[in-house]
N, C-alpha and C. Protein backbone atom coordinates (compact mmCIF):
# COMPACT_ATOMS: atom_id res chain seq x y z
N MET A 1 -21.61 26.26 -12.57
CA MET A 1 -21.66 27.15 -11.36
C MET A 1 -20.49 27.96 -11.56
N SER A 2 -20.93 29.56 -11.38
CA SER A 2 -19.84 30.40 -11.90
C SER A 2 -19.31 30.91 -10.78
N SER A 3 -18.20 31.55 -10.93
CA SER A 3 -17.23 32.02 -10.07
C SER A 3 -17.48 33.06 -9.45
N SER A 4 -17.00 33.52 -8.18
CA SER A 4 -17.33 34.84 -8.04
C SER A 4 -16.74 35.86 -8.73
N PRO A 5 -17.08 37.14 -8.62
CA PRO A 5 -15.83 38.27 -9.16
C PRO A 5 -14.76 38.29 -8.63
N LYS A 6 -13.78 38.67 -9.31
CA LYS A 6 -12.40 38.97 -8.70
C LYS A 6 -12.37 40.56 -7.65
N LEU A 7 -12.03 40.34 -6.41
CA LEU A 7 -11.85 41.75 -5.89
C LEU A 7 -10.35 42.10 -5.94
N ARG A 8 -10.63 43.79 -6.68
CA ARG A 8 -9.35 44.25 -6.48
C ARG A 8 -8.75 44.48 -5.25
N THR A 9 -7.40 44.48 -5.09
CA THR A 9 -6.94 44.98 -3.70
C THR A 9 -7.38 46.03 -2.99
N PRO A 10 -7.52 47.16 -3.55
CA PRO A 10 -8.06 48.53 -2.65
C PRO A 10 -9.62 48.07 -2.38
N THR A 11 -10.26 47.37 -2.62
CA THR A 11 -11.44 46.52 -2.33
C THR A 11 -11.68 45.86 -1.25
N LEU A 12 -10.52 45.25 -1.28
CA LEU A 12 -10.50 43.97 0.05
C LEU A 12 -9.93 45.12 1.08
N LEU A 13 -8.92 45.98 0.87
CA LEU A 13 -8.57 46.55 2.06
C LEU A 13 -9.68 47.43 2.71
N PHE A 14 -10.64 48.48 1.58
CA PHE A 14 -11.78 49.10 2.50
C PHE A 14 -12.75 48.35 2.99
N LEU A 15 -12.68 46.86 2.55
CA LEU A 15 -13.95 46.28 3.50
C LEU A 15 -13.27 45.65 4.56
N ALA A 16 -12.07 45.53 4.56
CA ALA A 16 -11.37 45.42 6.03
C ALA A 16 -11.38 46.33 7.09
N ALA A 17 -11.21 47.59 6.28
CA ALA A 17 -11.21 48.80 7.07
C ALA A 17 -12.57 49.13 7.79
N SER A 18 -13.69 48.67 7.17
CA SER A 18 -15.04 48.83 7.40
C SER A 18 -15.21 47.94 8.32
N LEU A 19 -14.85 46.71 8.40
CA LEU A 19 -15.28 45.79 9.35
C LEU A 19 -14.56 46.03 10.68
N VAL A 20 -13.16 46.63 10.39
CA VAL A 20 -12.86 47.01 11.74
C VAL A 20 -13.31 48.29 12.64
N GLY A 21 -13.70 49.25 11.61
CA GLY A 21 -14.61 50.23 12.06
C GLY A 21 -13.54 51.31 12.76
N SER A 22 -12.35 51.35 12.40
CA SER A 22 -11.50 52.00 13.02
C SER A 22 -10.90 53.62 11.87
N ALA A 23 -11.14 54.53 12.38
CA ALA A 23 -10.92 55.88 11.53
C ALA A 23 -9.15 55.51 10.92
N GLY A 24 -8.33 55.16 12.07
CA GLY A 24 -7.04 55.03 11.65
C GLY A 24 -6.80 53.76 10.79
N GLY A 25 -7.45 52.85 10.89
CA GLY A 25 -7.44 51.59 10.18
C GLY A 25 -8.00 51.87 8.68
N MET A 26 -8.84 52.99 8.52
CA MET A 26 -9.24 53.36 7.16
C MET A 26 -7.90 54.05 6.40
N ALA A 27 -7.37 55.13 7.22
CA ALA A 27 -6.15 56.00 6.71
C ALA A 27 -5.12 54.89 6.16
N THR A 28 -4.92 53.89 6.46
CA THR A 28 -3.86 52.97 6.64
C THR A 28 -4.12 52.34 5.31
N CYS A 29 -5.28 51.87 5.32
CA CYS A 29 -5.84 51.15 4.14
C CYS A 29 -5.73 51.92 2.87
N ARG A 30 -5.97 53.39 2.96
CA ARG A 30 -5.74 54.20 1.98
C ARG A 30 -4.50 54.18 1.24
N ALA A 31 -3.54 54.17 2.35
CA ALA A 31 -2.42 54.39 2.06
C ALA A 31 -1.64 53.34 1.33
N LEU A 32 -1.90 51.92 1.92
CA LEU A 32 -1.84 50.49 1.25
C LEU A 32 -2.33 50.43 -0.23
N ALA A 33 -3.31 51.21 -0.23
CA ALA A 33 -4.43 50.83 -1.78
C ALA A 33 -3.14 51.65 -2.67
N ALA A 34 -2.54 53.07 -2.16
CA ALA A 34 -1.95 53.88 -3.20
C ALA A 34 -0.67 53.13 -3.62
N LYS A 35 -0.36 52.64 -3.05
CA LYS A 35 0.83 51.86 -2.93
C LYS A 35 0.61 50.27 -3.67
N ALA A 36 -0.56 49.86 -3.71
CA ALA A 36 -0.86 48.63 -4.41
C ALA A 36 -0.87 48.76 -5.68
N GLU A 37 -1.76 50.06 -6.34
CA GLU A 37 -1.68 50.37 -7.89
C GLU A 37 -1.12 51.36 -8.01
N PRO A 38 0.00 51.20 -8.97
CA PRO A 38 0.49 52.39 -9.36
C PRO A 38 -0.19 53.33 -10.63
N LYS A 39 0.09 54.69 -10.21
CA LYS A 39 -0.45 55.75 -11.11
C LYS A 39 -0.18 55.43 -12.77
N ALA A 40 -1.19 55.75 -13.60
CA ALA A 40 -1.41 55.35 -14.70
C ALA A 40 -0.16 55.94 -15.48
N ARG A 41 -0.10 57.18 -15.17
CA ARG A 41 1.23 58.00 -15.90
C ARG A 41 2.73 57.08 -15.64
N ASP A 42 2.60 56.48 -14.60
CA ASP A 42 3.79 55.77 -14.21
C ASP A 42 3.86 54.29 -14.96
N ALA A 43 2.69 54.05 -15.52
CA ALA A 43 2.77 52.35 -16.18
C ALA A 43 3.59 52.67 -17.44
N LYS A 44 4.17 51.37 -17.80
CA LYS A 44 4.94 51.23 -18.72
C LYS A 44 3.95 50.67 -19.89
N PRO A 45 4.04 50.54 -21.19
CA PRO A 45 3.26 50.07 -22.09
C PRO A 45 4.05 48.58 -22.37
N GLU A 46 3.27 47.50 -22.55
CA GLU A 46 3.64 46.38 -22.79
C GLU A 46 4.25 45.96 -24.20
N ILE A 47 5.25 45.07 -24.32
CA ILE A 47 6.30 45.07 -25.43
C ILE A 47 5.26 44.42 -26.55
N GLY A 48 5.27 44.86 -27.85
CA GLY A 48 4.50 44.48 -28.60
C GLY A 48 2.96 45.20 -28.85
N SER A 49 2.76 46.26 -27.92
CA SER A 49 1.76 47.03 -27.61
C SER A 49 1.74 48.08 -28.73
N PRO A 50 0.77 49.16 -29.30
CA PRO A 50 0.48 49.60 -30.25
C PRO A 50 1.47 50.89 -29.39
N ALA A 51 1.31 51.27 -28.33
CA ALA A 51 1.67 52.45 -27.50
C ALA A 51 3.50 52.45 -27.36
N ALA A 52 3.82 50.85 -27.46
CA ALA A 52 5.53 51.01 -27.39
C ALA A 52 6.12 50.70 -28.62
N GLU A 53 5.10 50.41 -29.74
CA GLU A 53 5.76 50.65 -31.09
C GLU A 53 5.84 52.11 -31.62
N LYS A 54 7.05 52.27 -32.25
CA LYS A 54 7.46 53.91 -32.83
C LYS A 54 6.67 53.97 -33.99
N LYS A 55 6.12 54.98 -34.43
CA LYS A 55 5.21 55.15 -35.54
C LYS A 55 6.22 55.34 -36.87
N GLU A 56 5.97 54.80 -38.20
CA GLU A 56 6.82 55.19 -39.05
C GLU A 56 6.05 56.14 -40.02
N THR A 57 6.99 56.99 -40.19
CA THR A 57 6.34 58.46 -41.38
C THR A 57 7.26 58.31 -42.56
N VAL A 58 6.60 59.22 -43.21
CA VAL A 58 7.25 59.52 -44.35
C VAL A 58 6.52 60.76 -44.76
N THR A 59 7.57 62.01 -44.75
CA THR A 59 7.34 63.28 -45.14
C THR A 59 8.03 63.84 -46.55
N ALA A 60 7.22 64.94 -47.31
CA ALA A 60 7.56 64.96 -48.62
C ALA A 60 7.55 66.33 -48.85
N ALA A 61 8.86 66.97 -49.30
CA ALA A 61 8.92 68.04 -49.67
C ALA A 61 9.41 68.73 -50.99
N LEU A 62 8.49 69.33 -51.45
CA LEU A 62 8.16 69.71 -52.84
C LEU A 62 9.25 71.13 -53.07
N LYS A 63 10.10 71.03 -54.05
CA LYS A 63 10.58 72.20 -54.51
C LYS A 63 10.66 72.16 -55.83
N MET A 64 10.42 73.47 -56.35
CA MET A 64 10.61 73.75 -57.73
C MET A 64 12.33 73.71 -58.21
N ASP A 65 12.16 73.74 -59.64
CA ASP A 65 13.64 73.51 -60.10
C ASP A 65 13.85 75.01 -60.53
N LYS A 66 13.04 75.80 -60.78
CA LYS A 66 13.09 77.14 -61.32
C LYS A 66 12.74 78.04 -59.71
N ASN A 67 13.38 79.38 -59.70
CA ASN A 67 12.91 80.01 -58.85
C ASN A 67 13.36 81.73 -59.43
N PRO A 68 12.20 82.39 -59.48
CA PRO A 68 10.95 82.00 -59.10
C PRO A 68 10.32 80.96 -60.17
N ALA A 69 9.42 80.38 -59.90
CA ALA A 69 8.63 79.16 -60.64
C ALA A 69 7.77 79.70 -61.77
N VAL A 70 8.36 80.51 -62.63
CA VAL A 70 7.68 81.31 -63.85
C VAL A 70 7.54 80.46 -64.81
N PHE A 71 7.10 79.84 -65.51
CA PHE A 71 7.32 79.14 -66.97
C PHE A 71 6.62 79.80 -68.10
N ALA A 72 7.00 79.79 -69.27
CA ALA A 72 6.60 80.13 -70.50
C ALA A 72 5.49 79.40 -70.96
N PRO A 73 4.42 79.51 -71.95
CA PRO A 73 3.72 78.25 -72.51
C PRO A 73 4.14 77.08 -72.86
N GLY A 74 4.00 76.04 -72.58
CA GLY A 74 4.82 74.85 -73.19
C GLY A 74 5.90 74.43 -72.65
N GLU A 75 6.59 75.43 -71.75
CA GLU A 75 7.80 75.00 -71.17
C GLU A 75 7.66 73.92 -69.97
N PRO A 76 8.57 72.73 -70.27
CA PRO A 76 8.23 71.84 -69.08
C PRO A 76 8.58 72.16 -67.81
N ILE A 77 7.47 71.72 -66.70
CA ILE A 77 7.62 72.07 -65.20
C ILE A 77 8.51 71.04 -64.81
N ALA A 78 9.82 71.39 -64.31
CA ALA A 78 10.52 70.64 -63.55
C ALA A 78 10.34 70.74 -61.99
N LEU A 79 10.39 69.64 -60.96
CA LEU A 79 10.26 69.77 -59.69
C LEU A 79 10.99 68.53 -59.13
N HIS A 80 11.10 68.51 -58.16
CA HIS A 80 12.22 67.67 -57.16
C HIS A 80 10.87 67.33 -55.91
N ILE A 81 11.11 66.22 -55.40
CA ILE A 81 10.55 65.77 -54.18
C ILE A 81 11.40 65.15 -53.13
N ALA A 82 11.62 65.71 -52.08
CA ALA A 82 12.44 64.92 -51.08
C ALA A 82 11.33 64.09 -50.13
N LEU A 83 11.97 63.13 -49.98
CA LEU A 83 11.48 62.01 -49.11
C LEU A 83 12.05 61.77 -47.98
N LYS A 84 11.57 62.25 -46.74
CA LYS A 84 12.53 61.34 -45.35
C LYS A 84 11.46 60.45 -44.43
N TYR A 85 12.29 59.42 -44.36
CA TYR A 85 11.63 58.30 -43.49
C TYR A 85 11.45 58.29 -42.35
N THR A 86 11.01 58.14 -41.03
CA THR A 86 11.34 57.65 -39.91
C THR A 86 10.80 56.54 -39.45
N GLY A 87 11.86 55.85 -39.09
CA GLY A 87 11.18 54.60 -38.58
C GLY A 87 12.42 53.39 -38.35
N GLU A 88 12.29 52.32 -37.53
CA GLU A 88 13.43 51.41 -37.10
C GLU A 88 13.65 50.75 -37.93
N LYS A 89 12.79 50.31 -38.72
CA LYS A 89 13.03 49.19 -39.88
C LYS A 89 13.31 49.86 -41.10
N PRO A 90 14.33 49.70 -42.07
CA PRO A 90 14.33 50.18 -43.53
C PRO A 90 13.19 49.64 -44.09
N LYS A 91 12.71 50.31 -45.21
CA LYS A 91 11.76 49.86 -45.99
C LYS A 91 12.29 50.39 -47.61
N VAL A 92 11.56 50.07 -48.70
CA VAL A 92 11.77 50.21 -49.81
C VAL A 92 10.17 50.83 -50.28
N GLY A 93 10.50 52.19 -50.70
CA GLY A 93 9.48 53.06 -50.90
C GLY A 93 9.07 53.49 -52.73
N PHE A 94 7.74 53.73 -52.93
CA PHE A 94 7.05 54.09 -53.93
C PHE A 94 7.78 53.51 -55.26
N VAL A 95 7.79 51.96 -55.07
CA VAL A 95 7.95 50.99 -56.18
C VAL A 95 6.72 50.74 -57.11
N GLU A 96 6.56 51.94 -58.11
CA GLU A 96 5.43 51.99 -58.69
C GLU A 96 5.65 52.47 -59.97
N VAL A 97 4.65 53.09 -60.65
CA VAL A 97 4.56 53.75 -62.00
C VAL A 97 3.98 55.49 -61.26
N ASN A 98 4.56 55.88 -62.61
CA ASN A 98 4.38 57.86 -62.38
C ASN A 98 2.63 57.71 -61.93
N ARG A 99 1.75 56.98 -62.32
CA ARG A 99 0.46 57.32 -62.29
C ARG A 99 0.06 56.97 -60.82
N PHE A 100 0.81 56.71 -59.96
CA PHE A 100 0.17 56.75 -58.72
C PHE A 100 0.70 58.31 -58.13
N TRP A 101 1.35 59.09 -58.46
CA TRP A 101 1.58 60.45 -58.38
C TRP A 101 0.34 61.15 -58.94
N THR A 102 0.08 62.27 -58.16
CA THR A 102 -0.96 63.03 -58.61
C THR A 102 -0.53 64.46 -58.49
N PHE A 103 -0.15 65.24 -59.77
CA PHE A 103 -0.07 66.62 -59.18
C PHE A 103 -1.16 67.80 -59.28
N LEU A 104 -1.52 68.25 -58.15
CA LEU A 104 -2.67 69.17 -58.56
C LEU A 104 -2.55 70.49 -58.58
N PHE A 105 -2.86 71.36 -59.51
CA PHE A 105 -2.89 72.59 -59.80
C PHE A 105 -3.87 73.35 -59.59
N THR A 106 -4.11 74.17 -58.34
CA THR A 106 -5.21 74.71 -57.86
C THR A 106 -5.04 76.37 -58.39
N PRO A 107 -6.05 76.72 -59.32
CA PRO A 107 -6.13 78.32 -59.93
C PRO A 107 -6.12 79.14 -58.61
N ALA A 108 -5.09 80.49 -58.69
CA ALA A 108 -5.24 81.18 -57.36
C ALA A 108 -6.25 82.02 -57.75
N GLY A 109 -7.18 82.33 -56.46
CA GLY A 109 -8.24 83.30 -56.61
C GLY A 109 -9.33 82.50 -56.82
N GLY A 110 -9.24 80.99 -56.93
CA GLY A 110 -10.76 80.33 -57.06
C GLY A 110 -10.53 79.65 -58.34
N GLY A 111 -11.51 78.66 -58.55
CA GLY A 111 -11.46 77.55 -60.21
C GLY A 111 -11.19 76.39 -59.88
N ILE A 112 -11.33 75.65 -60.96
CA ILE A 112 -11.38 74.17 -60.47
C ILE A 112 -9.90 73.77 -61.14
N PRO A 113 -9.55 73.06 -59.96
CA PRO A 113 -8.23 72.38 -60.07
C PRO A 113 -7.94 71.34 -61.42
N ARG A 114 -7.00 71.33 -61.76
CA ARG A 114 -6.45 70.57 -62.68
C ARG A 114 -5.73 69.50 -62.49
N LYS A 115 -5.60 68.47 -62.60
CA LYS A 115 -4.39 67.34 -62.13
C LYS A 115 -3.70 66.84 -63.54
N ALA A 116 -2.61 66.52 -63.16
CA ALA A 116 -1.46 66.18 -64.33
C ALA A 116 -1.79 64.70 -64.40
N MET A 117 -1.65 64.20 -65.72
CA MET A 117 -1.58 62.88 -65.89
C MET A 117 -0.68 62.36 -67.18
N LEU A 118 -0.03 61.44 -66.61
CA LEU A 118 1.00 60.96 -67.59
C LEU A 118 0.55 59.82 -68.70
N THR A 119 1.11 59.82 -70.01
CA THR A 119 0.42 58.85 -71.09
C THR A 119 1.97 58.39 -71.62
N MET A 120 2.27 57.56 -72.60
CA MET A 120 3.12 56.96 -73.08
C MET A 120 2.58 57.44 -74.40
N ASN A 121 3.17 57.93 -75.51
CA ASN A 121 2.77 58.18 -76.67
C ASN A 121 3.62 56.97 -77.65
N ARG A 122 3.34 56.25 -78.60
CA ARG A 122 3.83 55.52 -79.63
C ARG A 122 3.74 56.23 -80.88
N THR A 123 3.28 57.52 -81.28
CA THR A 123 3.60 57.75 -82.65
C THR A 123 3.75 59.35 -82.20
N SER A 124 4.05 60.23 -82.89
CA SER A 124 4.35 61.69 -82.86
C SER A 124 2.90 62.43 -82.59
N LYS A 125 1.77 61.85 -82.84
CA LYS A 125 0.46 62.50 -82.42
C LYS A 125 0.29 62.42 -81.12
N PRO A 126 -0.11 63.57 -80.44
CA PRO A 126 -0.59 63.47 -79.20
C PRO A 126 -1.87 62.41 -78.90
N ARG A 127 -1.57 62.04 -77.66
CA ARG A 127 -3.06 61.25 -77.46
C ARG A 127 -3.36 61.43 -75.76
N VAL A 128 -4.87 61.44 -75.71
CA VAL A 128 -5.40 61.65 -74.55
C VAL A 128 -5.09 60.58 -73.44
N PRO A 129 -5.22 60.67 -72.08
CA PRO A 129 -4.96 59.52 -71.39
C PRO A 129 -5.67 58.62 -71.42
N GLY A 130 -5.44 57.15 -70.91
CA GLY A 130 -6.34 56.08 -70.71
C GLY A 130 -5.86 54.95 -72.09
N GLY A 131 -5.18 53.87 -71.33
CA GLY A 131 -4.80 52.58 -72.11
C GLY A 131 -3.33 52.54 -72.09
N GLY A 132 -2.15 53.41 -72.09
CA GLY A 132 -0.99 53.19 -72.57
C GLY A 132 -0.23 52.83 -71.07
N PRO A 133 0.81 51.94 -71.52
CA PRO A 133 1.60 51.66 -70.11
C PRO A 133 2.39 52.91 -69.86
N ASN A 134 3.04 53.22 -68.15
CA ASN A 134 3.68 54.25 -67.99
C ASN A 134 4.88 53.37 -67.32
N PRO A 135 5.87 54.23 -67.80
CA PRO A 135 7.23 54.11 -67.02
C PRO A 135 7.50 53.91 -65.81
N PRO A 136 8.01 52.91 -65.59
CA PRO A 136 8.28 52.29 -63.96
C PRO A 136 9.60 53.13 -63.26
N LEU A 137 9.24 53.28 -62.02
CA LEU A 137 10.29 54.41 -61.14
C LEU A 137 11.28 52.90 -61.03
N ALA A 138 12.50 53.63 -60.31
CA ALA A 138 13.42 52.65 -59.93
C ALA A 138 13.15 52.54 -58.23
N PRO A 139 13.14 51.33 -57.75
CA PRO A 139 12.84 51.24 -56.10
C PRO A 139 13.70 52.45 -55.65
N LEU A 140 13.15 52.98 -54.32
CA LEU A 140 13.73 54.12 -53.61
C LEU A 140 13.64 53.44 -52.24
N PRO A 141 14.67 53.25 -51.72
CA PRO A 141 15.46 52.97 -50.33
C PRO A 141 15.21 53.71 -49.47
N LEU A 142 14.41 53.63 -48.19
CA LEU A 142 14.15 54.43 -47.26
C LEU A 142 14.89 54.16 -45.92
N GLU A 143 15.41 55.01 -45.50
CA GLU A 143 16.13 54.55 -44.07
C GLU A 143 15.98 55.77 -43.29
N ASN A 144 16.08 55.26 -41.80
CA ASN A 144 15.69 56.13 -40.82
C ASN A 144 16.31 57.67 -40.67
N GLY A 145 15.95 58.69 -40.95
CA GLY A 145 16.49 59.93 -41.01
C GLY A 145 17.30 60.23 -42.06
N LYS A 146 17.40 59.83 -43.26
CA LYS A 146 17.86 60.02 -44.31
C LYS A 146 16.77 60.46 -45.64
N GLU A 147 17.26 61.38 -46.64
CA GLU A 147 16.33 61.69 -47.37
C GLU A 147 16.67 61.09 -48.74
N ALA A 148 15.40 60.83 -49.33
CA ALA A 148 15.77 59.81 -50.80
C ALA A 148 15.02 61.16 -51.92
N SER A 149 14.98 61.37 -52.93
CA SER A 149 14.40 62.20 -53.69
C SER A 149 14.10 61.63 -55.14
N ARG A 150 13.02 62.20 -55.46
CA ARG A 150 12.53 61.81 -56.82
C ARG A 150 12.33 63.32 -57.71
N THR A 151 12.45 62.92 -58.89
CA THR A 151 12.78 64.09 -59.92
C THR A 151 11.53 63.93 -61.20
N PHE A 152 10.82 65.08 -61.53
CA PHE A 152 9.83 64.90 -62.20
C PHE A 152 9.62 65.97 -63.35
N VAL A 153 9.96 65.93 -64.68
CA VAL A 153 9.48 66.77 -65.34
C VAL A 153 8.11 66.86 -66.51
N LEU A 154 7.63 67.46 -65.81
CA LEU A 154 5.89 67.63 -66.61
C LEU A 154 6.06 68.54 -67.79
N ASN A 155 6.15 68.06 -68.85
CA ASN A 155 6.20 68.68 -70.26
C ASN A 155 4.57 69.10 -70.59
N GLN A 156 5.04 70.21 -71.72
CA GLN A 156 3.30 70.76 -71.64
C GLN A 156 3.12 70.64 -73.32
N THR A 157 3.60 69.83 -74.03
CA THR A 157 3.42 69.32 -75.23
C THR A 157 2.32 68.47 -75.45
N GLY A 158 1.86 67.89 -74.89
CA GLY A 158 1.19 66.34 -75.61
C GLY A 158 1.56 65.76 -76.64
N ASP A 159 2.80 65.86 -76.98
CA ASP A 159 3.60 65.13 -77.79
C ASP A 159 4.88 64.21 -76.83
N GLY A 160 5.25 63.44 -77.75
CA GLY A 160 6.88 62.77 -77.44
C GLY A 160 6.49 61.11 -76.54
N GLN A 161 7.50 60.85 -76.33
CA GLN A 161 7.61 59.65 -75.54
C GLN A 161 6.56 59.70 -74.12
N ASN A 162 7.04 60.70 -73.48
CA ASN A 162 6.12 60.85 -72.14
C ASN A 162 5.46 61.84 -72.27
N ALA A 163 4.09 61.92 -72.54
CA ALA A 163 3.19 63.08 -72.48
C ALA A 163 2.82 63.36 -71.30
N TRP A 164 2.39 64.47 -70.78
CA TRP A 164 1.62 65.01 -69.58
C TRP A 164 0.18 65.85 -70.13
N TRP A 165 -0.58 65.23 -69.63
CA TRP A 165 -1.79 66.06 -70.11
C TRP A 165 -2.79 66.68 -68.78
N TYR A 166 -3.35 67.73 -69.00
CA TYR A 166 -3.78 68.25 -67.63
C TYR A 166 -5.37 68.51 -67.74
N GLU A 167 -6.03 67.38 -66.81
CA GLU A 167 -7.75 67.55 -66.81
C GLU A 167 -8.05 67.89 -65.53
N PHE A 168 -9.31 68.28 -65.53
CA PHE A 168 -10.27 68.80 -64.41
C PHE A 168 -10.11 67.40 -63.35
N ALA A 169 -9.61 68.01 -62.10
CA ALA A 169 -9.69 67.04 -61.33
C ALA A 169 -11.23 66.66 -60.98
N ASP A 170 -12.24 67.18 -61.09
CA ASP A 170 -13.57 66.49 -60.54
C ASP A 170 -14.47 67.18 -61.69
N ALA A 171 -14.72 66.36 -62.90
CA ALA A 171 -15.39 66.75 -63.96
C ALA A 171 -16.68 67.24 -63.89
N ARG A 172 -17.03 66.91 -62.59
CA ARG A 172 -18.58 67.22 -62.02
C ARG A 172 -18.71 68.65 -61.99
N GLN A 173 -17.49 69.44 -61.45
CA GLN A 173 -17.69 70.79 -61.36
C GLN A 173 -17.69 71.58 -62.55
N VAL A 174 -17.45 70.92 -63.62
CA VAL A 174 -17.40 71.72 -64.87
C VAL A 174 -18.47 72.06 -65.47
N PRO A 175 -18.61 73.30 -65.75
CA PRO A 175 -20.09 73.77 -66.47
C PRO A 175 -20.13 73.20 -67.88
N LYS A 176 -21.53 72.63 -68.21
CA LYS A 176 -21.71 71.82 -69.24
C LYS A 176 -21.14 72.80 -70.28
N GLU A 177 -20.95 74.42 -70.52
CA GLU A 177 -20.59 74.80 -72.00
C GLU A 177 -19.10 74.87 -71.85
N GLN A 178 -18.55 74.07 -70.73
CA GLN A 178 -17.22 74.25 -71.01
C GLN A 178 -16.27 73.10 -71.47
N LYS A 179 -15.26 72.89 -72.12
CA LYS A 179 -14.45 71.51 -72.58
C LYS A 179 -14.04 70.91 -71.54
N LYS A 180 -14.53 69.69 -71.24
CA LYS A 180 -13.86 68.80 -70.20
C LYS A 180 -12.47 67.90 -70.59
N GLN A 181 -12.43 68.09 -72.00
CA GLN A 181 -11.15 67.19 -72.11
C GLN A 181 -9.88 67.75 -72.02
N PRO A 182 -8.90 66.59 -71.54
CA PRO A 182 -7.45 67.56 -70.94
C PRO A 182 -7.03 68.34 -71.96
N LEU A 183 -6.04 69.12 -71.53
CA LEU A 183 -5.26 70.08 -72.37
C LEU A 183 -3.90 69.66 -72.37
N ALA A 184 -3.08 69.67 -73.30
CA ALA A 184 -1.83 69.57 -73.31
C ALA A 184 -0.62 70.51 -72.72
N GLN A 185 -1.48 71.76 -72.38
CA GLN A 185 -0.78 73.03 -71.49
C GLN A 185 -1.96 73.04 -70.13
N LEU A 186 -1.11 73.82 -69.61
CA LEU A 186 -1.78 74.62 -68.74
C LEU A 186 -2.57 75.91 -69.34
N PRO A 187 -3.21 76.31 -68.83
CA PRO A 187 -4.01 77.69 -69.30
C PRO A 187 -3.29 78.91 -68.39
N PRO A 188 -2.92 79.87 -68.93
CA PRO A 188 -1.97 81.02 -68.48
C PRO A 188 -2.77 81.58 -66.91
N GLY A 189 -1.63 81.39 -65.88
CA GLY A 189 -2.16 82.17 -64.48
C GLY A 189 -1.37 81.29 -63.27
N LYS A 190 -1.80 81.75 -62.23
CA LYS A 190 -1.26 81.69 -61.17
C LYS A 190 -1.71 80.19 -60.35
N TYR A 191 -1.08 79.35 -60.03
CA TYR A 191 -1.48 78.03 -59.45
C TYR A 191 -0.66 77.54 -58.04
N THR A 192 -1.49 77.12 -56.95
CA THR A 192 -0.76 76.30 -56.05
C THR A 192 -0.54 74.73 -56.29
N LEU A 193 0.47 74.49 -56.49
CA LEU A 193 0.90 73.14 -56.57
C LEU A 193 1.05 72.05 -55.72
N THR A 194 0.43 70.84 -55.33
CA THR A 194 0.75 69.92 -54.66
C THR A 194 0.83 68.72 -55.18
N ALA A 195 1.76 67.55 -54.50
CA ALA A 195 1.99 66.29 -55.17
C ALA A 195 1.65 65.47 -54.16
N THR A 196 1.09 64.20 -54.69
CA THR A 196 0.30 63.73 -53.79
C THR A 196 0.52 61.75 -54.11
N HIS A 197 1.29 61.08 -53.35
CA HIS A 197 1.49 59.46 -53.72
C HIS A 197 0.34 58.75 -52.72
N LYS A 198 -0.58 57.97 -54.28
CA LYS A 198 -1.51 57.00 -53.11
C LYS A 198 -1.62 55.85 -54.01
N VAL A 199 -1.57 54.88 -53.30
CA VAL A 199 -1.79 53.59 -53.77
C VAL A 199 -3.37 52.75 -53.12
N SER A 200 -3.90 52.12 -53.76
CA SER A 200 -5.40 51.55 -53.58
C SER A 200 -5.08 49.96 -53.26
N PHE A 201 -3.51 49.46 -53.10
CA PHE A 201 -3.48 48.30 -52.76
C PHE A 201 -2.10 48.06 -51.60
N ARG A 202 -2.30 47.02 -50.95
CA ARG A 202 -1.15 46.70 -50.23
C ARG A 202 -0.45 45.39 -50.57
N GLY A 203 0.89 45.11 -50.32
CA GLY A 203 1.76 44.03 -50.84
C GLY A 203 2.65 43.69 -49.80
N ASN A 204 3.96 43.85 -50.29
CA ASN A 204 5.10 43.48 -49.54
C ASN A 204 5.22 44.49 -48.32
N PRO A 205 5.34 43.69 -47.01
CA PRO A 205 4.99 44.42 -45.56
C PRO A 205 6.73 45.38 -45.74
N ASP A 206 7.45 45.10 -46.43
CA ASP A 206 8.74 46.04 -46.77
C ASP A 206 8.69 47.23 -47.17
N ASN A 207 7.56 47.25 -48.24
CA ASN A 207 7.28 48.47 -48.52
C ASN A 207 6.77 49.47 -48.61
N TRP A 208 6.85 50.75 -48.65
CA TRP A 208 5.92 51.82 -48.07
C TRP A 208 4.64 52.20 -49.13
N TYR A 209 3.10 51.99 -48.27
CA TYR A 209 2.04 52.36 -49.21
C TYR A 209 1.08 53.30 -48.62
N ASP A 210 1.39 53.95 -47.60
CA ASP A 210 0.31 54.95 -46.84
C ASP A 210 0.51 56.25 -47.75
N PRO A 211 -0.27 56.93 -47.96
CA PRO A 211 -0.58 58.39 -48.86
C PRO A 211 0.27 59.21 -48.28
N VAL A 212 0.77 60.12 -49.10
CA VAL A 212 2.17 60.90 -48.91
C VAL A 212 1.61 62.54 -49.75
N THR A 213 1.65 63.42 -48.96
CA THR A 213 1.24 64.80 -49.63
C THR A 213 2.11 65.74 -49.16
N THR A 214 2.49 66.35 -50.31
CA THR A 214 3.94 67.32 -50.25
C THR A 214 3.34 68.98 -50.00
N ASN A 215 4.00 69.36 -49.53
CA ASN A 215 3.95 71.03 -48.92
C ASN A 215 3.31 71.82 -50.56
N ALA A 216 2.79 72.95 -50.40
CA ALA A 216 2.26 73.77 -51.55
C ALA A 216 3.27 74.55 -52.15
N VAL A 217 3.26 74.69 -53.30
CA VAL A 217 4.16 75.66 -54.21
C VAL A 217 3.55 76.61 -54.84
N GLN A 218 4.00 77.93 -55.09
CA GLN A 218 3.23 78.75 -56.23
C GLN A 218 3.84 78.32 -57.20
N ILE A 219 3.19 78.64 -58.61
CA ILE A 219 4.04 78.56 -59.86
C ILE A 219 3.18 79.58 -60.78
N GLU A 220 3.59 79.83 -61.78
CA GLU A 220 2.72 80.81 -62.65
C GLU A 220 3.10 80.34 -64.02
N ILE A 221 1.98 80.50 -65.10
CA ILE A 221 2.33 80.22 -66.29
C ILE A 221 2.05 81.47 -67.17
N THR A 222 2.99 81.99 -67.82
CA THR A 222 2.63 83.11 -68.63
C THR A 222 1.89 83.13 -69.95
N ALA A 223 1.29 84.32 -70.19
CA ALA A 223 0.34 84.15 -71.46
C ALA A 223 1.53 84.12 -72.34
N LYS A 224 0.91 83.62 -73.85
CA LYS A 224 1.87 84.08 -75.12
C LYS A 224 1.74 85.34 -75.22
N PRO A 225 3.30 85.56 -75.69
CA PRO A 225 3.42 87.12 -76.00
C PRO A 225 2.71 87.50 -77.81
């Protein structure tokens, strides 16, 4: 046997007023109904609800080591990323390897962006990306309102213990007649540089895993003399 639907307080009041048939009674019922149900804007979220919880955020500010950021062919590109965390519970952020950072170089005036990829070379000969281990980064503590920083040096030699290579971000956009292999050096020109940290897994809840993207900065690679 199904139970009858529960009637809200205002409904009961209006039904009573209609039975009485009094205009004054109807006005009284409206006043009582207004007091019976507080306005939505005055309602407080329940403890534990999404509205009651403060959102955790991380912002990333990219700054170049050189000003102006003009680099000669083959000159290392040094940069700093300042990370600022907002949240009540401290976390450990960016416990990973360098390969989870993507440095995107977008040519000024149009062109196919290139991204920097890190490898480790076991010999003095340059090696293209794919298969080598990446040096780990130390855990980065994140506390509310405080900044923590990462420093990167993107070399342009294609050789050495830590070698960065510059490949097209989307090989599908590259014309067939153009070489798609990664380059040890960025071609000369002006670029807009951004850095993004992104992982495809989740683990320790005390770690930070959400994607973070920095502001854009302008850099230039000069032509060979």
